[in-house]
Amino acid sequence: MASDTILETKDLTKRLGGKKVVDGVNLAIGRGDIYGFLGPNGAGKTTTIRMLLGLAKPTDGSIRVFGKDIRKERIAILRKVGSLVEYPSYYGHLTAVENLEAIRRLLGVPKARIDEVLSIVRLTKDANRAVKGFSLGMKQRLGIATALLGDPELLVLDEPTNGLDPAGIQEIRELIKSLPGKSGVTILISSHLLSEVEQMATRVGIISKGKLIYEDSIQRLRDQAKGRIRLSVSEPEAAWRTLLSHGHSVGWENGVLTASQTDNRTVAGIVAQLVKADYEVYRVEEESASLESIFLEMTGTEGSL
């Protein structure tokens, strides 16, 4: 395990009722990452997270967090991990401070930490209000404050924006983006919404039917979404051969020339070459793939976004 890798799984597998719900997953999360763990509902995200937090036992494979094996050093690892899995639970009649005080005593952290985490999640003004009067977004922020109470090195958030309205989603997103800088924490955030995670994550892992089918930087995923240029020309096959002979990287399918989307100068060079060789150029158009369409293509799901 590399020194800058906070969490690593090797062939992580979980069988439930004979079926592999998590199938040979290899995750690698680096220090300071906001790692977006993506997949349609039912893909195996929550089961994976439950194993990472020691709440479920793997059938096969290993989990190392901070370089330690979770089977052997679970308690030591979990002291440095904060989590918000599904909906946070509170005592509604108690204030935010009182709810945090109950957890603080269990963790044995200094009292001053309560004010610190309330400030991080911007709930200082509401510290002494009963939680039952909080909006859903405020409750989620209080859940994140609870997860931060022990000053964790790793924060695990399972679908933290579920059920929130657009303003609440925006609030949680901005909060999560600010945390590595403010608290030096590494974040694993799961979601079934690519559009949600792409605005926060530095790296993404995509899981589908229990298998990890993609893991790389969010920029790499964006690059994949860059479209192609399509050119309708006279005599497309001959035009294609001409362009290839002049060193242009182009494809030819269904009578249309295609080129990876590059800078305008390259496209202009292709058009100039065609005109110079007396081909007529009827149309030049950009065909871009959205990140969502790539996600749907990878996971083979429709309607989960």
C-alpha atoms as a PDB file:
ATOM      1  CA  MET A   1       0.000   0.000   0.000  1.00  0.00           C
ATOM      2  CA  ALA A   2       1.563   3.307  -1.121  1.00  0.00           C
ATOM      3  CA  SER A   3       2.152   5.822   1.663  1.00  0.00           C
ATOM      4  CA  ASP A   4      -0.235   8.324   0.070  1.00  0.00           C
ATOM      5  CA  THR A   5      -2.972   5.682  -0.299  1.00  0.00           C
ATOM      6  CA  ILE A   6      -5.474   5.947   2.548  1.00  0.00           C
ATOM      7  CA  LEU A   7      -7.758   3.079   1.579  1.00  0.00           C
ATOM      8  CA  GLU A   8      -7.178   0.063  -0.627  1.00  0.00           C
ATOM      9  CA  THR A   9      -9.231  -3.039  -1.335  1.00  0.00           C
ATOM     10  CA  LYS A  10      -7.989  -6.186  -3.072  1.00  0.00           C
ATOM     11  CA  ASP A  11     -10.527  -8.481  -4.785  1.00  0.00           C
ATOM     12  CA  LEU A  12     -13.201  -7.407  -2.294  1.00  0.00           C
ATOM     13  CA  THR A  13     -16.150  -9.783  -2.638  1.00  0.00           C
ATOM     14  CA  LYS A  14     -19.453 -10.234  -0.812  1.00  0.00           C
ATOM     15  CA  ARG A  15     -21.905 -13.030  -1.470  1.00  0.00           C
ATOM     16  CA  LEU A  16     -25.491 -12.784  -0.262  1.00  0.00           C
ATOM     17  CA  GLY A  17     -27.688 -15.821  -0.793  1.00  0.00           C
ATOM     18  CA  GLY A  18     -25.153 -17.339  -3.175  1.00  0.00           C
ATOM     19  CA  LYS A  19     -25.081 -14.209  -5.360  1.00  0.00           C
ATOM     20  CA  LYS A  20     -22.022 -11.960  -5.623  1.00  0.00           C
ATOM     21  CA  VAL A  21     -23.329  -8.478  -4.787  1.00  0.00           C
ATOM     22  CA  VAL A  22     -19.746  -7.156  -4.675  1.00  0.00           C
ATOM     23  CA  ASP A  23     -17.434  -8.942  -7.065  1.00  0.00           C
ATOM     24  CA  GLY A  24     -13.628  -8.607  -6.888  1.00  0.00           C
ATOM     25  CA  VAL A  25     -13.531  -4.832  -6.283  1.00  0.00           C
ATOM     26  CA  ASN A  26     -10.105  -3.122  -6.202  1.00  0.00           C
ATOM     27  CA  LEU A  27     -10.381   0.435  -4.880  1.00  0.00           C
ATOM     28  CA  ALA A  28      -7.490   2.817  -4.267  1.00  0.00           C
ATOM     29  CA  ILE A  29      -8.173   6.136  -2.545  1.00  0.00           C
ATOM     30  CA  GLY A  30      -5.348   8.639  -2.154  1.00  0.00           C
ATOM     31  CA  ARG A  31      -4.787  11.094   0.675  1.00  0.00           C
ATOM     32  CA  GLY A  32      -6.749  14.325   0.113  1.00  0.00           C
ATOM     33  CA  ASP A  33      -8.977  12.795  -2.581  1.00  0.00           C
ATOM     34  CA  ILE A  34     -12.672  13.439  -2.873  1.00  0.00           C
ATOM     35  CA  TYR A  35     -13.422  10.022  -4.314  1.00  0.00           C
ATOM     36  CA  GLY A  36     -16.797   9.664  -6.015  1.00  0.00           C
ATOM     37  CA  PHE A  37     -18.057   6.093  -5.713  1.00  0.00           C
ATOM     38  CA  LEU A  38     -20.689   5.840  -8.416  1.00  0.00           C
ATOM     39  CA  GLY A  39     -23.186   3.318  -9.595  1.00  0.00           C
ATOM     40  CA  PRO A  40     -26.885   2.745 -10.186  1.00  0.00           C
ATOM     41  CA  ASN A  41     -29.061   1.818  -7.215  1.00  0.00           C
ATOM     42  CA  GLY A  42     -28.459  -1.835  -6.360  1.00  0.00           C
ATOM     43  CA  ALA A  43     -24.958  -1.889  -7.923  1.00  0.00           C
ATOM     44  CA  GLY A  44     -23.240  -2.819  -4.632  1.00  0.00           C
ATOM     45  CA  LYS A  45     -22.182   0.632  -3.338  1.00  0.00           C
ATOM     46  CA  THR A  46     -23.735   0.455   0.125  1.00  0.00           C
ATOM     47  CA  THR A  47     -22.627  -3.164   0.662  1.00  0.00           C
ATOM     48  CA  THR A  48     -19.055  -2.110  -0.227  1.00  0.00           C
ATOM     49  CA  ILE A  49     -19.242   0.845   2.159  1.00  0.00           C
ATOM     50  CA  ARG A  50     -20.602  -1.346   4.962  1.00  0.00           C
ATOM     51  CA  MET A  51     -17.586  -3.644   4.513  1.00  0.00           C
ATOM     52  CA  LEU A  52     -15.180  -0.666   4.498  1.00  0.00           C
ATOM     53  CA  LEU A  53     -16.667   0.459   7.820  1.00  0.00           C
ATOM     54  CA  GLY A  54     -16.522  -3.007   9.373  1.00  0.00           C
ATOM     55  CA  LEU A  55     -20.332  -3.259   9.441  1.00  0.00           C
ATOM     56  CA  ALA A  56     -20.342  -6.306   7.125  1.00  0.00           C
ATOM     57  CA  LYS A  57     -17.778  -9.065   6.672  1.00  0.00           C
ATOM     58  CA  PRO A  58     -16.280  -9.653   3.229  1.00  0.00           C
ATOM     59  CA  THR A  59     -16.723 -13.147   1.787  1.00  0.00           C
ATOM     60  CA  ASP A  60     -13.303 -12.798   0.105  1.00  0.00           C
ATOM     61  CA  GLY A  61     -10.607 -10.212  -0.404  1.00  0.00           C
ATOM     62  CA  SER A  62      -8.955  -7.674   1.864  1.00  0.00           C
ATOM     63  CA  ILE A  63      -9.413  -4.075   3.037  1.00  0.00           C
ATOM     64  CA  ARG A  64      -6.518  -1.920   4.192  1.00  0.00           C
ATOM     65  CA  VAL A  65      -7.142   1.510   5.679  1.00  0.00           C
ATOM     66  CA  PHE A  66      -4.187   3.711   6.760  1.00  0.00           C
ATOM     67  CA  GLY A  67      -1.997   0.717   5.849  1.00  0.00           C
ATOM     68  CA  LYS A  68      -3.732  -1.551   8.382  1.00  0.00           C
ATOM     69  CA  ASP A  69      -5.834  -4.652   7.779  1.00  0.00           C
ATOM     70  CA  ILE A  70      -9.405  -3.977   8.917  1.00  0.00           C
ATOM     71  CA  ARG A  71      -9.877  -7.580  10.094  1.00  0.00           C
ATOM     72  CA  LYS A  72      -7.000  -7.260  12.542  1.00  0.00           C
ATOM     73  CA  GLU A  73      -7.130  -3.584  13.584  1.00  0.00           C
ATOM     74  CA  ARG A  74     -10.754  -2.566  13.125  1.00  0.00           C
ATOM     75  CA  ILE A  75     -11.073  -0.481  16.308  1.00  0.00           C
ATOM     76  CA  ALA A  76      -7.832   1.471  15.692  1.00  0.00           C
ATOM     77  CA  ILE A  77      -8.897   2.173  12.083  1.00  0.00           C
ATOM     78  CA  LEU A  78     -12.460   3.239  12.897  1.00  0.00           C
ATOM     79  CA  ARG A  79     -11.210   5.760  15.475  1.00  0.00           C
ATOM     80  CA  LYS A  80      -9.862   7.754  12.504  1.00  0.00           C
ATOM     81  CA  VAL A  81     -12.905   7.286  10.247  1.00  0.00           C
ATOM     82  CA  GLY A  82     -16.083   9.370  10.284  1.00  0.00           C
ATOM     83  CA  SER A  83     -19.170   8.201   8.430  1.00  0.00           C
ATOM     84  CA  LEU A  84     -22.684   9.138   7.421  1.00  0.00           C
ATOM     85  CA  VAL A  85     -24.457   6.066   6.073  1.00  0.00           C
ATOM     86  CA  GLU A  86     -28.072   6.477   4.980  1.00  0.00           C
ATOM     87  CA  TYR A  87     -30.098   8.911   7.094  1.00  0.00           C
ATOM     88  CA  PRO A  88     -28.477  10.269  10.266  1.00  0.00           C
ATOM     89  CA  SER A  89     -30.348   9.502  13.499  1.00  0.00           C
ATOM     90  CA  TYR A  90     -30.963  12.173  16.140  1.00  0.00           C
ATOM     91  CA  TYR A  91     -32.791  12.913  19.310  1.00  0.00           C
ATOM     92  CA  GLY A  92     -35.311  15.370  17.825  1.00  0.00           C
ATOM     93  CA  HIS A  93     -36.170  17.027  21.147  1.00  0.00           C
ATOM     94  CA  LEU A  94     -32.499  17.817  21.837  1.00  0.00           C
ATOM     95  CA  THR A  95     -30.569  20.739  20.350  1.00  0.00           C
ATOM     96  CA  ALA A  96     -27.712  20.342  17.860  1.00  0.00           C
ATOM     97  CA  VAL A  97     -25.201  20.924  20.681  1.00  0.00           C
ATOM     98  CA  GLU A  98     -26.873  18.342  22.933  1.00  0.00           C
ATOM     99  CA  ASN A  99     -26.917  15.751  20.153  1.00  0.00           C
ATOM    100  CA  LEU A 100     -23.228  16.347  19.489  1.00  0.00           C
ATOM    101  CA  GLU A 101     -22.431  16.270  23.229  1.00  0.00           C
ATOM    102  CA  ALA A 102     -23.870  12.733  23.497  1.00  0.00           C
ATOM    103  CA  ILE A 103     -21.501  11.555  20.729  1.00  0.00           C
ATOM    104  CA  ARG A 104     -18.571  13.631  22.034  1.00  0.00           C
ATOM    105  CA  ARG A 105     -18.691  11.794  25.358  1.00  0.00           C
ATOM    106  CA  LEU A 106     -18.536   8.438  23.599  1.00  0.00           C
ATOM    107  CA  LEU A 107     -15.558   9.597  21.518  1.00  0.00           C
ATOM    108  CA  GLY A 108     -13.803  11.326  24.413  1.00  0.00           C
ATOM    109  CA  VAL A 109     -12.854  14.408  22.367  1.00  0.00           C
ATOM    110  CA  PRO A 110     -12.520  17.925  23.861  1.00  0.00           C
ATOM    111  CA  LYS A 111     -15.712  19.988  24.344  1.00  0.00           C
ATOM    112  CA  ALA A 112     -14.320  22.745  22.096  1.00  0.00           C
ATOM    113  CA  ARG A 113     -14.635  20.343  19.143  1.00  0.00           C
ATOM    114  CA  ILE A 114     -18.434  20.811  19.141  1.00  0.00           C
ATOM    115  CA  ASP A 115     -18.116  24.522  18.283  1.00  0.00           C
ATOM    116  CA  GLU A 116     -15.478  23.703  15.665  1.00  0.00           C
ATOM    117  CA  VAL A 117     -17.626  21.185  13.776  1.00  0.00           C
ATOM    118  CA  LEU A 118     -20.755  23.379  13.996  1.00  0.00           C
ATOM    119  CA  SER A 119     -18.728  26.190  12.456  1.00  0.00           C
ATOM    120  CA  ILE A 120     -17.400  23.908   9.674  1.00  0.00           C
ATOM    121  CA  VAL A 121     -20.952  22.883   8.677  1.00  0.00           C
ATOM    122  CA  ARG A 122     -22.300  26.424   9.198  1.00  0.00           C
ATOM    123  CA  LEU A 123     -24.773  25.574  11.961  1.00  0.00           C
ATOM    124  CA  THR A 124     -23.374  27.868  14.667  1.00  0.00           C
ATOM    125  CA  LYS A 125     -26.493  30.102  14.573  1.00  0.00           C
ATOM    126  CA  ASP A 126     -28.765  27.072  15.018  1.00  0.00           C
ATOM    127  CA  ALA A 127     -26.659  25.339  17.665  1.00  0.00           C
ATOM    128  CA  ASN A 128     -29.283  25.686  20.404  1.00  0.00           C
ATOM    129  CA  ARG A 129     -32.393  24.883  18.370  1.00  0.00           C
ATOM    130  CA  ALA A 130     -34.207  21.566  18.745  1.00  0.00           C
ATOM    131  CA  VAL A 131     -33.219  19.330  15.840  1.00  0.00           C
ATOM    132  CA  LYS A 132     -36.852  18.374  15.089  1.00  0.00           C
ATOM    133  CA  GLY A 133     -37.261  21.913  13.682  1.00  0.00           C
ATOM    134  CA  PHE A 134     -34.322  21.518  11.257  1.00  0.00           C
ATOM    135  CA  SER A 135     -34.782  21.220   7.498  1.00  0.00           C
ATOM    136  CA  LEU A 136     -33.554  18.001   5.851  1.00  0.00           C
ATOM    137  CA  GLY A 137     -30.448  19.828   4.572  1.00  0.00           C
ATOM    138  CA  MET A 138     -29.642  21.086   8.082  1.00  0.00           C
ATOM    139  CA  LYS A 139     -30.052  17.561   9.442  1.00  0.00           C
ATOM    140  CA  GLN A 140     -27.613  16.280   6.804  1.00  0.00           C
ATOM    141  CA  ARG A 141     -25.132  19.005   7.781  1.00  0.00           C
ATOM    142  CA  LEU A 142     -25.528  18.004  11.429  1.00  0.00           C
ATOM    143  CA  GLY A 143     -24.874  14.397  10.348  1.00  0.00           C
ATOM    144  CA  ILE A 144     -21.641  15.523   8.699  1.00  0.00           C
ATOM    145  CA  ALA A 145     -20.742  17.525  11.841  1.00  0.00           C
ATOM    146  CA  THR A 146     -21.248  14.319  13.885  1.00  0.00           C
ATOM    147  CA  ALA A 147     -19.015  12.398  11.465  1.00  0.00           C
ATOM    148  CA  LEU A 148     -16.316  15.101  11.820  1.00  0.00           C
ATOM    149  CA  LEU A 149     -16.474  15.206  15.629  1.00  0.00           C
ATOM    150  CA  GLY A 150     -13.635  12.727  16.129  1.00  0.00           C
ATOM    151  CA  ASP A 151     -11.399  14.711  13.700  1.00  0.00           C
ATOM    152  CA  PRO A 152     -11.225  11.797  11.231  1.00  0.00           C
ATOM    153  CA  GLU A 153      -8.633  11.309   8.502  1.00  0.00           C
ATOM    154  CA  LEU A 154     -11.224   9.583   6.295  1.00  0.00           C
ATOM    155  CA  LEU A 155     -14.855  10.626   5.894  1.00  0.00           C
ATOM    156  CA  VAL A 156     -17.298   8.173   4.294  1.00  0.00           C
ATOM    157  CA  LEU A 157     -20.586   9.635   3.039  1.00  0.00           C
ATOM    158  CA  ASP A 158     -23.216   7.324   1.550  1.00  0.00           C
ATOM    159  CA  GLU A 159     -25.648   9.241  -0.716  1.00  0.00           C
ATOM    160  CA  PRO A 160     -25.419  12.429   1.433  1.00  0.00           C
ATOM    161  CA  THR A 161     -27.718  14.488  -0.834  1.00  0.00           C
ATOM    162  CA  ASN A 162     -30.511  11.900  -1.094  1.00  0.00           C
ATOM    163  CA  GLY A 163     -33.937  13.502  -0.732  1.00  0.00           C
ATOM    164  CA  LEU A 164     -32.625  17.083  -0.607  1.00  0.00           C
ATOM    165  CA  ASP A 165     -34.043  19.933  -2.666  1.00  0.00           C
ATOM    166  CA  PRO A 166     -31.702  21.721  -5.148  1.00  0.00           C
ATOM    167  CA  ALA A 167     -30.697  24.364  -2.576  1.00  0.00           C
ATOM    168  CA  GLY A 168     -29.880  21.662  -0.004  1.00  0.00           C
ATOM    169  CA  ILE A 169     -27.868  19.702  -2.579  1.00  0.00           C
ATOM    170  CA  GLN A 170     -25.871  22.820  -3.467  1.00  0.00           C
ATOM    171  CA  GLU A 171     -25.207  23.488   0.234  1.00  0.00           C
ATOM    172  CA  ILE A 172     -23.924  19.974   0.939  1.00  0.00           C
ATOM    173  CA  ARG A 173     -21.862  19.987  -2.265  1.00  0.00           C
ATOM    174  CA  GLU A 174     -20.095  23.239  -1.336  1.00  0.00           C
ATOM    175  CA  LEU A 175     -19.497  21.933   2.191  1.00  0.00           C
ATOM    176  CA  ILE A 176     -17.964  18.663   0.965  1.00  0.00           C
ATOM    177  CA  LYS A 177     -15.716  20.488  -1.528  1.00  0.00           C
ATOM    178  CA  SER A 178     -14.395  22.720   1.268  1.00  0.00           C
ATOM    179  CA  LEU A 179     -13.577  19.924   3.734  1.00  0.00           C
ATOM    180  CA  PRO A 180     -10.206  18.605   2.450  1.00  0.00           C
ATOM    181  CA  GLY A 181      -8.813  22.154   2.567  1.00  0.00           C
ATOM    182  CA  LYS A 182     -10.382  23.003   5.948  1.00  0.00           C
ATOM    183  CA  SER A 183      -9.978  19.723   7.796  1.00  0.00           C
ATOM    184  CA  GLY A 184      -7.329  17.867   5.780  1.00  0.00           C
ATOM    185  CA  VAL A 185      -9.744  14.974   5.466  1.00  0.00           C
ATOM    186  CA  THR A 186      -9.980  12.433   2.627  1.00  0.00           C
ATOM    187  CA  ILE A 187     -13.562  11.815   1.464  1.00  0.00           C
ATOM    188  CA  LEU A 188     -15.315   8.816  -0.066  1.00  0.00           C
ATOM    189  CA  ILE A 189     -18.749   9.852  -1.306  1.00  0.00           C
ATOM    190  CA  SER A 190     -21.180   7.428  -2.910  1.00  0.00           C
ATOM    191  CA  SER A 191     -23.954   8.423  -5.281  1.00  0.00           C
ATOM    192  CA  HIS A 192     -26.077   7.120  -8.139  1.00  0.00           C
ATOM    193  CA  LEU A 193     -25.912  10.583  -9.755  1.00  0.00           C
ATOM    194  CA  LEU A 194     -22.878  11.328 -11.894  1.00  0.00           C
ATOM    195  CA  SER A 195     -23.991  14.950 -12.356  1.00  0.00           C
ATOM    196  CA  GLU A 196     -23.869  15.264  -8.557  1.00  0.00           C
ATOM    197  CA  VAL A 197     -20.422  13.779  -8.024  1.00  0.00           C
ATOM    198  CA  GLU A 198     -18.661  15.323 -11.029  1.00  0.00           C
ATOM    199  CA  GLN A 199     -18.898  18.759  -9.392  1.00  0.00           C
ATOM    200  CA  MET A 200     -17.095  17.587  -6.260  1.00  0.00           C
ATOM    201  CA  ALA A 201     -14.887  14.588  -6.993  1.00  0.00           C
ATOM    202  CA  THR A 202     -11.220  14.524  -7.913  1.00  0.00           C
ATOM    203  CA  ARG A 203     -11.372  10.780  -8.690  1.00  0.00           C
ATOM    204  CA  VAL A 204     -14.188   8.407  -9.513  1.00  0.00           C
ATOM    205  CA  GLY A 205     -14.814   4.697  -9.272  1.00  0.00           C
ATOM    206  CA  ILE A 206     -17.840   3.312 -11.122  1.00  0.00           C
ATOM    207  CA  ILE A 207     -19.453   0.085  -9.924  1.00  0.00           C
ATOM    208  CA  SER A 208     -22.033  -1.875 -11.880  1.00  0.00           C
ATOM    209  CA  LYS A 209     -23.565  -5.244 -10.952  1.00  0.00           C
ATOM    210  CA  GLY A 210     -20.988  -5.583  -8.179  1.00  0.00           C
ATOM    211  CA  LYS A 211     -17.923  -5.026 -10.408  1.00  0.00           C
ATOM    212  CA  LEU A 212     -15.703  -1.936 -10.505  1.00  0.00           C
ATOM    213  CA  ILE A 213     -15.770  -1.017 -14.191  1.00  0.00           C
ATOM    214  CA  TYR A 214     -13.866   2.284 -14.095  1.00  0.00           C
ATOM    215  CA  GLU A 215     -11.448   4.052 -11.756  1.00  0.00           C
ATOM    216  CA  ASP A 216      -9.597   7.206 -12.720  1.00  0.00           C
ATOM    217  CA  SER A 217      -9.540  10.985 -12.367  1.00  0.00           C
ATOM    218  CA  ILE A 218     -12.695  12.985 -13.066  1.00  0.00           C
ATOM    219  CA  GLN A 219     -10.676  14.823 -15.743  1.00  0.00           C
ATOM    220  CA  ARG A 220     -10.058  11.553 -17.584  1.00  0.00           C
ATOM    221  CA  LEU A 221     -13.811  10.915 -17.576  1.00  0.00           C
ATOM    222  CA  ARG A 222     -14.419  14.446 -18.897  1.00  0.00           C
ATOM    223  CA  ASP A 223     -11.878  13.840 -21.657  1.00  0.00           C
ATOM    224  CA  GLN A 224     -13.833  10.728 -22.657  1.00  0.00           C
ATOM    225  CA  ALA A 225     -16.921  12.899 -22.965  1.00  0.00           C
ATOM    226  CA  LYS A 226     -15.192  15.188 -25.474  1.00  0.00           C
ATOM    227  CA  GLY A 227     -16.943  14.612 -28.724  1.00  0.00           C
ATOM    228  CA  ARG A 228     -15.975  13.891 -32.271  1.00  0.00           C
ATOM    229  CA  ILE A 229     -16.040  16.080 -35.347  1.00  0.00           C
ATOM    230  CA  ARG A 230     -18.173  14.707 -38.211  1.00  0.00           C
ATOM    231  CA  LEU A 231     -17.546  15.869 -41.771  1.00  0.00           C
ATOM    232  CA  SER A 232     -19.915  15.306 -44.689  1.00  0.00           C
ATOM    233  CA  VAL A 233     -17.893  15.503 -47.899  1.00  0.00           C
ATOM    234  CA  SER A 234     -18.026  14.469 -51.532  1.00  0.00           C
ATOM    235  CA  GLU A 235     -16.387  11.099 -52.262  1.00  0.00           C
ATOM    236  CA  PRO A 236     -15.927  10.252 -48.573  1.00  0.00           C
ATOM    237  CA  GLU A 237     -13.786   7.137 -49.007  1.00  0.00           C
ATOM    238  CA  ALA A 238     -11.316   8.839 -51.356  1.00  0.00           C
ATOM    239  CA  ALA A 239     -11.295  11.937 -49.092  1.00  0.00           C
ATOM    240  CA  TRP A 240     -10.566   9.691 -46.090  1.00  0.00           C
ATOM    241  CA  ARG A 241      -7.599   8.107 -47.886  1.00  0.00           C
ATOM    242  CA  THR A 242      -6.270  11.542 -48.878  1.00  0.00           C
ATOM    243  CA  LEU A 243      -6.417  12.779 -45.289  1.00  0.00           C
ATOM    244  CA  LEU A 244      -4.707   9.640 -43.967  1.00  0.00           C
ATOM    245  CA  SER A 245      -1.917  10.028 -46.518  1.00  0.00           C
ATOM    246  CA  HIS A 246      -1.335  13.565 -45.205  1.00  0.00           C
ATOM    247  CA  GLY A 247      -1.028  12.365 -41.590  1.00  0.00           C
ATOM    248  CA  HIS A 248      -4.505  13.283 -40.325  1.00  0.00           C
ATOM    249  CA  SER A 249      -6.029  10.859 -37.812  1.00  0.00           C
ATOM    250  CA  VAL A 250      -9.565  10.366 -39.169  1.00  0.00           C
ATOM    251  CA  GLY A 251     -12.158   7.619 -39.310  1.00  0.00           C
ATOM    252  CA  TRP A 252     -14.715   6.786 -41.957  1.00  0.00           C
ATOM    253  CA  GLU A 253     -18.095   5.266 -41.194  1.00  0.00           C
ATOM    254  CA  ASN A 254     -21.449   5.293 -43.004  1.00  0.00           C
ATOM    255  CA  GLY A 255     -20.118   7.727 -45.592  1.00  0.00           C
ATOM    256  CA  VAL A 256     -19.107  10.310 -42.956  1.00  0.00           C
ATOM    257  CA  LEU A 257     -15.571  11.253 -41.892  1.00  0.00           C
ATOM    258  CA  THR A 258     -14.911  11.455 -38.150  1.00  0.00           C
ATOM    259  CA  ALA A 259     -12.072  12.962 -36.161  1.00  0.00           C
ATOM    260  CA  SER A 260     -11.533  13.133 -32.410  1.00  0.00           C
ATOM    261  CA  GLN A 261     -12.382  16.564 -31.144  1.00  0.00           C
ATOM    262  CA  THR A 262      -9.143  18.475 -31.045  1.00  0.00           C
ATOM    263  CA  ASP A 263      -8.318  22.160 -31.259  1.00  0.00           C
ATOM    264  CA  ASN A 264      -9.848  24.380 -33.953  1.00  0.00           C
ATOM    265  CA  ARG A 265      -6.563  24.627 -35.831  1.00  0.00           C
ATOM    266  CA  THR A 266      -6.486  20.848 -36.455  1.00  0.00           C
ATOM    267  CA  VAL A 267     -10.088  20.891 -37.715  1.00  0.00           C
ATOM    268  CA  ALA A 268      -9.248  23.877 -39.950  1.00  0.00           C
ATOM    269  CA  GLY A 269      -6.238  21.934 -41.280  1.00  0.00           C
ATOM    270  CA  ILE A 270      -8.449  18.949 -42.184  1.00  0.00           C
ATOM    271  CA  VAL A 271     -10.954  21.202 -43.989  1.00  0.00           C
ATOM    272  CA  ALA A 272      -8.168  23.074 -45.819  1.00  0.00           C
ATOM    273  CA  GLN A 273      -6.632  19.769 -46.968  1.00  0.00           C
ATOM    274  CA  LEU A 274     -10.004  18.585 -48.314  1.00  0.00           C
ATOM    275  CA  VAL A 275     -10.634  21.846 -50.174  1.00  0.00           C
ATOM    276  CA  LYS A 276      -7.093  21.840 -51.573  1.00  0.00           C
ATOM    277  CA  ALA A 277      -7.670  18.291 -52.906  1.00  0.00           C
ATOM    278  CA  ASP A 278     -10.915  19.481 -54.586  1.00  0.00           C
ATOM    279  CA  TYR A 279     -13.369  17.677 -52.302  1.00  0.00           C
ATOM    280  CA  GLU A 280     -16.553  19.508 -51.465  1.00  0.00           C
ATOM    281  CA  VAL A 281     -17.190  19.934 -47.732  1.00  0.00           C
ATOM    282  CA  TYR A 282     -20.937  19.972 -47.077  1.00  0.00           C
ATOM    283  CA  ARG A 283     -21.025  20.031 -43.313  1.00  0.00           C
ATOM    284  CA  VAL A 284     -18.736  20.081 -40.241  1.00  0.00           C
ATOM    285  CA  GLU A 285     -20.437  19.322 -36.942  1.00  0.00           C
ATOM    286  CA  GLU A 286     -19.468  18.501 -33.394  1.00  0.00           C
ATOM    287  CA  GLU A 287     -20.907  15.394 -31.787  1.00  0.00           C
ATOM    288  CA  SER A 288     -20.269  15.430 -28.047  1.00  0.00           C
ATOM    289  CA  ALA A 289     -21.116  12.746 -25.525  1.00  0.00           C
ATOM    290  CA  SER A 290     -22.353  13.874 -22.124  1.00  0.00           C
ATOM    291  CA  LEU A 291     -20.809  12.437 -18.983  1.00  0.00           C
ATOM    292  CA  GLU A 292     -24.267  11.045 -18.188  1.00  0.00           C
ATOM    293  CA  SER A 293     -24.445   9.160 -21.481  1.00  0.00           C
ATOM    294  CA  ILE A 294     -20.994   7.668 -20.860  1.00  0.00           C
ATOM    295  CA  PHE A 295     -22.077   6.642 -17.349  1.00  0.00           C
ATOM    296  CA  LEU A 296     -25.253   5.043 -18.712  1.00  0.00           C
ATOM    297  CA  GLU A 297     -23.274   3.288 -21.425  1.00  0.00           C
ATOM    298  CA  MET A 298     -20.781   1.931 -18.889  1.00  0.00           C
ATOM    299  CA  THR A 299     -23.401   0.769 -16.403  1.00  0.00           C
ATOM    300  CA  GLY A 300     -25.976  -0.330 -18.959  1.00  0.00           C
ATOM    301  CA  THR A 301     -28.774   1.410 -17.088  1.00  0.00           C
ATOM    302  CA  GLU A 302     -31.436   3.831 -18.107  1.00  0.00           C
ATOM    303  CA  GLY A 303     -33.526   6.084 -15.923  1.00  0.00           C
ATOM    304  CA  SER A 304     -31.267   5.973 -12.865  1.00  0.00           C
ATOM    305  CA  LEU A 305     -30.271   9.608 -13.257  1.00  0.00           C
END
